Structures are given as structure tokens and as C-alpha cells.
């Protein structure tokens, strides 16, 4: 088990997925959030069930909330 950014335990698969997504950069993560909200599957979420994808989406939104409307380039 890994911890998310606020200290809760999460499945290692979800933590690894979040790491891969966040490594793509702020703008890509925002685009990925939109795709996930539309019910699309990302390469990073392939093989995950609906609950796991929703956890990834919720965590991505939480992480990106710290950036507000801007992204560092």
C-alpha cells in the first residue's frame, strides 16, 4: 500500500498510475481528467475497474486543485 498526498493508504496500482499520469505534466493531466470524466480509458488506467478509475480521477482532481487555473511549464 502507498499513501496519497494527504496520507491515506491506497492500492499500489493506483499510486503507480497516478505517478505515471503526473509525470506527463500539468496540461496533460488536465486533459486526462477531462477524458476520464467522459468515461474514456487511458493507457495508464487500462485494466482497472470502475472504482479504481474513479479513485484515480478523484485523486488527480485533488492534486490539480493545488495548481488552480495555472500550470507551471
PDB file of N, CA and C in Angstrom:
ATOM      1  N   UNK A   1       0.834  -1.189   0.000  1.00  0.00           N
ATOM      2  CA  UNK A   1       0.000   0.000   0.000  1.00  0.00           C
ATOM      3  C   UNK A   1       0.876   1.250   0.000  1.00  0.00           C
ATOM      4  N   UNK A   2       0.427   2.271  -0.710  1.00  0.00           N
ATOM      5  CA  UNK A   2       1.111   3.560  -0.765  1.00  0.00           C
ATOM      6  C   UNK A   2       0.206   4.602  -0.131  1.00  0.00           C
ATOM      7  N   UNK A   3       0.767   5.757   0.160  1.00  0.00           N
ATOM      8  CA  UNK A   3      -0.038   6.837   0.708  1.00  0.00           C
ATOM      9  C   UNK A   3      -0.290   7.875  -0.357  1.00  0.00           C
ATOM     10  N   UNK A   4      -1.506   8.463  -0.341  1.00  0.00           N
ATOM     11  CA  UNK A   4      -1.777   9.550  -1.265  1.00  0.00           C
ATOM     12  C   UNK A   4      -1.249  10.843  -0.665  1.00  0.00           C
ATOM     13  N   UNK A   5      -1.485  11.949  -1.334  1.00  0.00           N
ATOM     14  CA  UNK A   5      -0.886  13.218  -0.908  1.00  0.00           C
ATOM     15  C   UNK A   5      -1.397  13.715   0.438  1.00  0.00           C
ATOM     16  N   UNK A   6      -2.497  13.158   0.940  1.00  0.00           N
ATOM     17  CA  UNK A   6      -2.965  13.581   2.260  1.00  0.00           C
ATOM     18  C   UNK A   6      -2.809  12.467   3.294  1.00  0.00           C
ATOM     19  N   UNK A   7      -2.058  11.421   2.928  1.00  0.00           N
ATOM     20  CA  UNK A   7      -1.683  10.428   3.911  1.00  0.00           C
ATOM     21  C   UNK A   7      -2.545   9.181   3.991  1.00  0.00           C
ATOM     22  N   UNK A   8      -3.583   9.064   3.186  1.00  0.00           N
ATOM     23  CA  UNK A   8      -4.412   7.873   3.231  1.00  0.00           C
ATOM     24  C   UNK A   8      -3.760   6.748   2.445  1.00  0.00           C
ATOM     25  N   UNK A   9      -3.966   5.532   2.907  1.00  0.00           N
ATOM     26  CA  UNK A   9      -3.432   4.383   2.194  1.00  0.00           C
ATOM     27  C   UNK A   9      -4.223   4.150   0.913  1.00  0.00           C
ATOM     28  N   UNK A  10      -3.506   3.794  -0.142  1.00  0.00           N
ATOM     29  CA  UNK A  10      -4.165   3.470  -1.398  1.00  0.00           C
ATOM     30  C   UNK A  10      -3.463   2.276  -2.025  1.00  0.00           C
ATOM     31  N   UNK A  11      -4.155   1.619  -2.898  1.00  0.00           N
ATOM     32  CA  UNK A  11      -3.628   0.485  -3.626  1.00  0.00           C
ATOM     33  C   UNK A  11      -2.387   0.908  -4.412  1.00  0.00           C
ATOM     34  N   UNK A  12      -1.379   0.053  -4.454  1.00  0.00           N
ATOM     35  CA  UNK A  12      -0.132   0.380  -5.151  1.00  0.00           C
ATOM     36  C   UNK A  12      -0.372   0.601  -6.640  1.00  0.00           C
ATOM     37  N   UNK A  13      -1.305  -0.144  -7.231  1.00  0.00           N
ATOM     38  CA  UNK A  13      -1.623   0.031  -8.653  1.00  0.00           C
ATOM     39  C   UNK A  13      -2.138   1.446  -8.913  1.00  0.00           C
ATOM     40  N   UNK A  14      -2.965   1.956  -8.026  1.00  0.00           N
ATOM     41  CA  UNK A  14      -3.498   3.310  -8.177  1.00  0.00           C
ATOM     42  C   UNK A  14      -2.380   4.329  -7.979  1.00  0.00           C
ATOM     43  N   UNK A  15      -1.549   4.117  -6.982  1.00  0.00           N
ATOM     44  CA  UNK A  15      -0.432   5.027  -6.736  1.00  0.00           C
ATOM     45  C   UNK A  15       0.517   5.060  -7.932  1.00  0.00           C
ATOM     46  N   UNK A  16       0.799   3.907  -8.514  1.00  0.00           N
ATOM     47  CA  UNK A  16       1.677   3.847  -9.683  1.00  0.00           C
ATOM     48  C   UNK A  16       1.046   4.555 -10.876  1.00  0.00           C
ATOM     49  N   UNK A  17      -0.244   4.361 -11.056  1.00  0.00           N
ATOM     50  CA  UNK A  17      -0.965   5.025 -12.143  1.00  0.00           C
ATOM     51  C   UNK A  17      -0.891   6.540 -11.978  1.00  0.00           C
ATOM     52  N   UNK A  18      -1.140   7.021 -10.777  1.00  0.00           N
ATOM     53  CA  UNK A  18      -1.078   8.463 -10.513  1.00  0.00           C
ATOM     54  C   UNK A  18       0.314   9.011 -10.796  1.00  0.00           C
ATOM     55  N   UNK A  19       1.318   8.265 -10.414  1.00  0.00           N
ATOM     56  CA  UNK A  19       2.699   8.692 -10.662  1.00  0.00           C
ATOM     57  C   UNK A  19       2.960   8.824 -12.159  1.00  0.00           C
ATOM     58  N   UNK A  20       2.544   7.824 -12.921  1.00  0.00           N
ATOM     59  CA  UNK A  20       2.749   7.873 -14.379  1.00  0.00           C
ATOM     60  C   UNK A  20       1.992   9.032 -15.009  1.00  0.00           C
ATOM     61  N   UNK A  21       0.755   9.245 -14.569  1.00  0.00           N
ATOM     62  CA  UNK A  21      -0.040  10.340 -15.118  1.00  0.00           C
ATOM     63  C   UNK A  21       0.582  11.693 -14.784  1.00  0.00           C
ATOM     64  N   UNK A  22       0.986  11.878 -13.550  1.00  0.00           N
ATOM     65  CA  UNK A  22       1.536  13.169 -13.129  1.00  0.00           C
ATOM     66  C   UNK A  22       2.881  13.460 -13.790  1.00  0.00           C
ATOM     67  N   UNK A  23       3.620  12.437 -14.138  1.00  0.00           N
ATOM     68  CA  UNK A  23       4.896  12.647 -14.818  1.00  0.00           C
ATOM     69  C   UNK A  23       4.702  13.237 -16.210  1.00  0.00           C
ATOM     70  N   UNK A  24       3.506  13.129 -16.764  1.00  0.00           N
ATOM     71  CA  UNK A  24       3.222  13.671 -18.091  1.00  0.00           C
ATOM     72  C   UNK A  24       3.112  15.189 -18.080  1.00  0.00           C
ATOM     73  N   UNK A  25       2.924  15.774 -16.910  1.00  0.00           N
ATOM     74  CA  UNK A  25       2.844  17.227 -16.804  1.00  0.00           C
ATOM     75  C   UNK A  25       1.424  17.725 -16.602  1.00  0.00           C
ATOM     76  N   UNK A  26       1.376  18.944 -16.141  1.00  0.00           N
ATOM     77  CA  UNK A  26       0.132  19.586 -15.719  1.00  0.00           C
ATOM     78  C   UNK A  26      -0.923  19.639 -16.831  1.00  0.00           C
ATOM     79  N   UNK A  27      -0.536  20.093 -17.996  1.00  0.00           N
ATOM     80  CA  UNK A  27      -1.506  20.235 -19.090  1.00  0.00           C
ATOM     81  C   UNK A  27      -2.053  18.878 -19.520  1.00  0.00           C
ATOM     82  N   UNK A  28      -1.201  17.878 -19.571  1.00  0.00           N
ATOM     83  CA  UNK A  28      -1.649  16.530 -19.930  1.00  0.00           C
ATOM     84  C   UNK A  28      -2.585  15.969 -18.870  1.00  0.00           C
ATOM     85  N   UNK A  29      -2.280  16.222 -17.619  1.00  0.00           N
ATOM     86  CA  UNK A  29      -3.137  15.729 -16.535  1.00  0.00           C
ATOM     87  C   UNK A  29      -4.519  16.354 -16.635  1.00  0.00           C
ATOM     88  N   UNK A  30      -4.581  17.646 -16.926  1.00  0.00           N
ATOM     89  CA  UNK A  30      -5.894  18.293 -17.089  1.00  0.00           C
ATOM     90  C   UNK A  30      -6.680  17.660 -18.237  1.00  0.00           C
ATOM     91  N   UNK A  31      -6.005  17.371 -19.330  1.00  0.00           N
ATOM     92  CA  UNK A  31      -6.666  16.710 -20.466  1.00  0.00           C
ATOM     93  C   UNK A  31      -7.113  15.304 -20.078  1.00  0.00           C
ATOM     94  N   UNK A  32      -6.271  14.587 -19.336  1.00  0.00           N
ATOM     95  CA  UNK A  32      -6.623  13.239 -18.887  1.00  0.00           C
ATOM     96  C   UNK A  32      -7.829  13.265 -17.959  1.00  0.00           C
ATOM     97  N   UNK A  33      -7.908  14.249 -17.092  1.00  0.00           N
ATOM     98  CA  UNK A  33      -9.074  14.386 -16.203  1.00  0.00           C
ATOM     99  C   UNK A  33     -10.337  14.517 -17.037  1.00  0.00           C
ATOM    100  N   UNK A  34     -10.301  15.345 -18.066  1.00  0.00           N
ATOM    101  CA  UNK A  34     -11.484  15.514 -18.928  1.00  0.00           C
ATOM    102  C   UNK A  34     -11.872  14.199 -19.591  1.00  0.00           C
ATOM    103  N   UNK A  35     -10.887  13.460 -20.076  1.00  0.00           N
ATOM    104  CA  UNK A  35     -11.180  12.174 -20.709  1.00  0.00           C
ATOM    105  C   UNK A  35     -11.790  11.195 -19.720  1.00  0.00           C
ATOM    106  N   UNK A  36     -11.234  11.133 -18.523  1.00  0.00           N
ATOM    107  CA  UNK A  36     -11.777  10.232 -17.502  1.00  0.00           C
ATOM    108  C   UNK A  36     -13.189  10.632 -17.112  1.00  0.00           C
ATOM    109  N   UNK A  37     -13.448  11.930 -17.027  1.00  0.00           N
ATOM    110  CA  UNK A  37     -14.804  12.402 -16.708  1.00  0.00           C
ATOM    111  C   UNK A  37     -15.802  11.997 -17.791  1.00  0.00           C
ATOM    112  N   UNK A  38     -15.334  11.854 -19.023  1.00  0.00           N
ATOM    113  CA  UNK A  38     -16.186  11.432 -20.139  1.00  0.00           C
ATOM    114  C   UNK A  38     -16.330   9.914 -20.214  1.00  0.00           C
ATOM    115  N   UNK A  39     -15.688   9.216 -19.282  1.00  0.00           N
ATOM    116  CA  UNK A  39     -15.788   7.768 -19.245  1.00  0.00           C
ATOM    117  C   UNK A  39     -14.792   7.049 -20.145  1.00  0.00           C
ATOM    118  N   UNK A  40     -13.822   7.783 -20.669  1.00  0.00           N
ATOM    119  CA  UNK A  40     -12.822   7.186 -21.542  1.00  0.00           C
ATOM    120  C   UNK A  40     -11.760   6.468 -20.706  1.00  0.00           C
ATOM    121  N   UNK A  41     -11.067   5.548 -21.348  1.00  0.00           N
ATOM    122  CA  UNK A  41      -9.980   4.815 -20.710  1.00  0.00           C
ATOM    123  C   UNK A  41      -8.656   5.362 -21.211  1.00  0.00           C
ATOM    124  N   UNK A  42      -7.734   5.572 -20.306  1.00  0.00           N
ATOM    125  CA  UNK A  42      -6.382   5.997 -20.648  1.00  0.00           C
ATOM    126  C   UNK A  42      -5.478   4.777 -20.657  1.00  0.00           C
ATOM    127  N   UNK A  43      -4.365   4.836 -21.371  1.00  0.00           N
ATOM    128  CA  UNK A  43      -3.422   3.710 -21.308  1.00  0.00           C
ATOM    129  C   UNK A  43      -3.029   3.382 -19.863  1.00  0.00           C
ATOM    130  N   UNK A  44      -2.901   4.418 -19.045  1.00  0.00           N
ATOM    131  CA  UNK A  44      -2.489   4.233 -17.642  1.00  0.00           C
ATOM    132  C   UNK A  44      -3.574   3.583 -16.788  1.00  0.00           C
ATOM    133  N   UNK A  45      -4.841   3.674 -17.209  1.00  0.00           N
ATOM    134  CA  UNK A  45      -5.937   3.098 -16.423  1.00  0.00           C
ATOM    135  C   UNK A  45      -6.479   1.808 -17.034  1.00  0.00           C
ATOM    136  N   UNK A  46      -5.887   1.361 -18.142  1.00  0.00           N
ATOM    137  CA  UNK A  46      -6.339   0.122 -18.771  1.00  0.00           C
ATOM    138  C   UNK A  46      -6.207  -1.030 -17.777  1.00  0.00           C
ATOM    139  N   UNK A  47      -7.234  -1.833 -17.682  1.00  0.00           N
ATOM    140  CA  UNK A  47      -7.222  -2.967 -16.765  1.00  0.00           C
ATOM    141  C   UNK A  47      -7.755  -2.649 -15.377  1.00  0.00           C
ATOM    142  N   UNK A  48      -8.015  -1.386 -15.109  1.00  0.00           N
ATOM    143  CA  UNK A  48      -8.584  -1.010 -13.810  1.00  0.00           C
ATOM    144  C   UNK A  48     -10.104  -1.106 -13.867  1.00  0.00           C
ATOM    145  N   UNK A  49     -10.706  -1.429 -12.731  1.00  0.00           N
ATOM    146  CA  UNK A  49     -12.165  -1.436 -12.695  1.00  0.00           C
ATOM    147  C   UNK A  49     -12.681  -0.009 -12.477  1.00  0.00           C
ATOM    148  N   UNK A  50     -13.989   0.129 -12.574  1.00  0.00           N
ATOM    149  CA  UNK A  50     -14.617   1.467 -12.494  1.00  0.00           C
ATOM    150  C   UNK A  50     -14.273   2.174 -11.177  1.00  0.00           C
ATOM    151  N   UNK A  51     -14.291   1.436 -10.090  1.00  0.00           N
ATOM    152  CA  UNK A  51     -13.997   2.021  -8.771  1.00  0.00           C
ATOM    153  C   UNK A  51     -12.565   2.559  -8.730  1.00  0.00           C
ATOM    154  N   UNK A  52     -11.640   1.783  -9.254  1.00  0.00           N
ATOM    155  CA  UNK A  52     -10.243   2.218  -9.262  1.00  0.00           C
ATOM    156  C   UNK A  52     -10.045   3.453 -10.122  1.00  0.00           C
ATOM    157  N   UNK A  53     -10.696   3.486 -11.275  1.00  0.00           N
ATOM    158  CA  UNK A  53     -10.585   4.655 -12.156  1.00  0.00           C
ATOM    159  C   UNK A  53     -11.172   5.886 -11.463  1.00  0.00           C
ATOM    160  N   UNK A  54     -12.275   5.711 -10.764  1.00  0.00           N
ATOM    161  CA  UNK A  54     -12.874   6.831 -10.040  1.00  0.00           C
ATOM    162  C   UNK A  54     -11.946   7.336  -8.930  1.00  0.00           C
ATOM    163  N   UNK A  55     -11.249   6.426  -8.280  1.00  0.00           N
ATOM    164  CA  UNK A  55     -10.270   6.828  -7.264  1.00  0.00           C
ATOM    165  C   UNK A  55      -9.123   7.619  -7.892  1.00  0.00           C
ATOM    166  N   UNK A  56      -8.657   7.165  -9.053  1.00  0.00           N
ATOM    167  CA  UNK A  56      -7.600   7.890  -9.774  1.00  0.00           C
ATOM    168  C   UNK A  56      -8.095   9.279 -10.139  1.00  0.00           C
ATOM    169  N   UNK A  57      -9.292   9.363 -10.681  1.00  0.00           N
ATOM    170  CA  UNK A  57      -9.859  10.661 -11.082  1.00  0.00           C
ATOM    171  C   UNK A  57      -9.995  11.598  -9.890  1.00  0.00           C
ATOM    172  N   UNK A  58     -10.519  11.090  -8.803  1.00  0.00           N
ATOM    173  CA  UNK A  58     -10.690  11.920  -7.602  1.00  0.00           C
ATOM    174  C   UNK A  58      -9.343  12.424  -7.089  1.00  0.00           C
ATOM    175  N   UNK A  59      -8.356  11.566  -7.085  1.00  0.00           N
ATOM    176  CA  UNK A  59      -7.035  11.957  -6.597  1.00  0.00           C
ATOM    177  C   UNK A  59      -6.381  12.963  -7.544  1.00  0.00           C
ATOM    178  N   UNK A  60      -6.517  12.762  -8.855  1.00  0.00           N
ATOM    179  CA  UNK A  60      -5.964  13.724  -9.814  1.00  0.00           C
ATOM    180  C   UNK A  60      -6.587  15.101  -9.628  1.00  0.00           C
ATOM    181  N   UNK A  61      -7.899  15.132  -9.454  1.00  0.00           N
ATOM    182  CA  UNK A  61      -8.581  16.418  -9.238  1.00  0.00           C
ATOM    183  C   UNK A  61      -8.064  17.094  -7.972  1.00  0.00           C
ATOM    184  N   UNK A  62      -7.863  16.319  -6.938  1.00  0.00           N
ATOM    185  CA  UNK A  62      -7.365  16.852  -5.678  1.00  0.00           C
ATOM    186  C   UNK A  62      -5.948  17.410  -5.837  1.00  0.00           C
ATOM    187  N   UNK A  63      -5.107  16.664  -6.525  1.00  0.00           N
ATOM    188  CA  UNK A  63      -3.736  17.114  -6.764  1.00  0.00           C
ATOM    189  C   UNK A  63      -3.739  18.402  -7.582  1.00  0.00           C
ATOM    190  N   UNK A  64      -4.536  18.440  -8.644  1.00  0.00           N
ATOM    191  CA  UNK A  64      -4.542  19.592  -9.541  1.00  0.00           C
ATOM    192  C   UNK A  64      -5.191  20.821  -8.912  1.00  0.00           C
ATOM    193  N   UNK A  65      -6.011  20.626  -7.902  1.00  0.00           N
ATOM    194  CA  UNK A  65      -6.633  21.768  -7.221  1.00  0.00           C
ATOM    195  C   UNK A  65      -5.571  22.690  -6.634  1.00  0.00           C
ATOM    196  N   UNK A  66      -4.426  22.134  -6.292  1.00  0.00           N
ATOM    197  CA  UNK A  66      -3.343  22.951  -5.732  1.00  0.00           C
ATOM    198  C   UNK A  66      -2.782  23.937  -6.749  1.00  0.00           C
ATOM    199  N   UNK A  67      -2.947  23.641  -8.028  1.00  0.00           N
ATOM    200  CA  UNK A  67      -2.412  24.500  -9.083  1.00  0.00           C
ATOM    201  C   UNK A  67      -3.380  25.596  -9.513  1.00  0.00           C
ATOM    202  N   UNK A  68      -4.636  25.508  -9.091  1.00  0.00           N
ATOM    203  CA  UNK A  68      -5.626  26.486  -9.522  1.00  0.00           C
ATOM    204  C   UNK A  68      -5.808  26.428 -11.028  1.00  0.00           C
ATOM    205  N   UNK A  69      -5.929  27.582 -11.656  1.00  0.00           N
ATOM    206  CA  UNK A  69      -6.134  27.637 -13.103  1.00  0.00           C
ATOM    207  C   UNK A  69      -4.854  27.743 -13.901  1.00  0.00           C
ATOM    208  N   UNK A  70      -3.725  27.654 -13.234  1.00  0.00           N
ATOM    209  CA  UNK A  70      -2.460  27.788 -13.939  1.00  0.00           C
ATOM    210  C   UNK A  70      -1.645  26.513 -13.810  1.00  0.00           C
ATOM    211  N   UNK A  71      -0.744  26.349 -14.738  1.00  0.00           N
ATOM    212  CA  UNK A  71       0.196  25.231 -14.705  1.00  0.00           C
ATOM    213  C   UNK A  71       1.584  25.784 -14.941  1.00  0.00           C
ATOM    214  N   UNK A  72       2.540  25.236 -14.218  1.00  0.00           N
ATOM    215  CA  UNK A  72       3.927  25.593 -14.489  1.00  0.00           C
ATOM    216  C   UNK A  72       4.390  24.861 -15.731  1.00  0.00           C
ATOM    217  N   UNK A  73       5.058  25.567 -16.609  1.00  0.00           N
ATOM    218  CA  UNK A  73       5.546  24.947 -17.835  1.00  0.00           C
ATOM    219  C   UNK A  73       7.009  24.614 -17.674  1.00  0.00           C
TER     220      UNK A  73
END
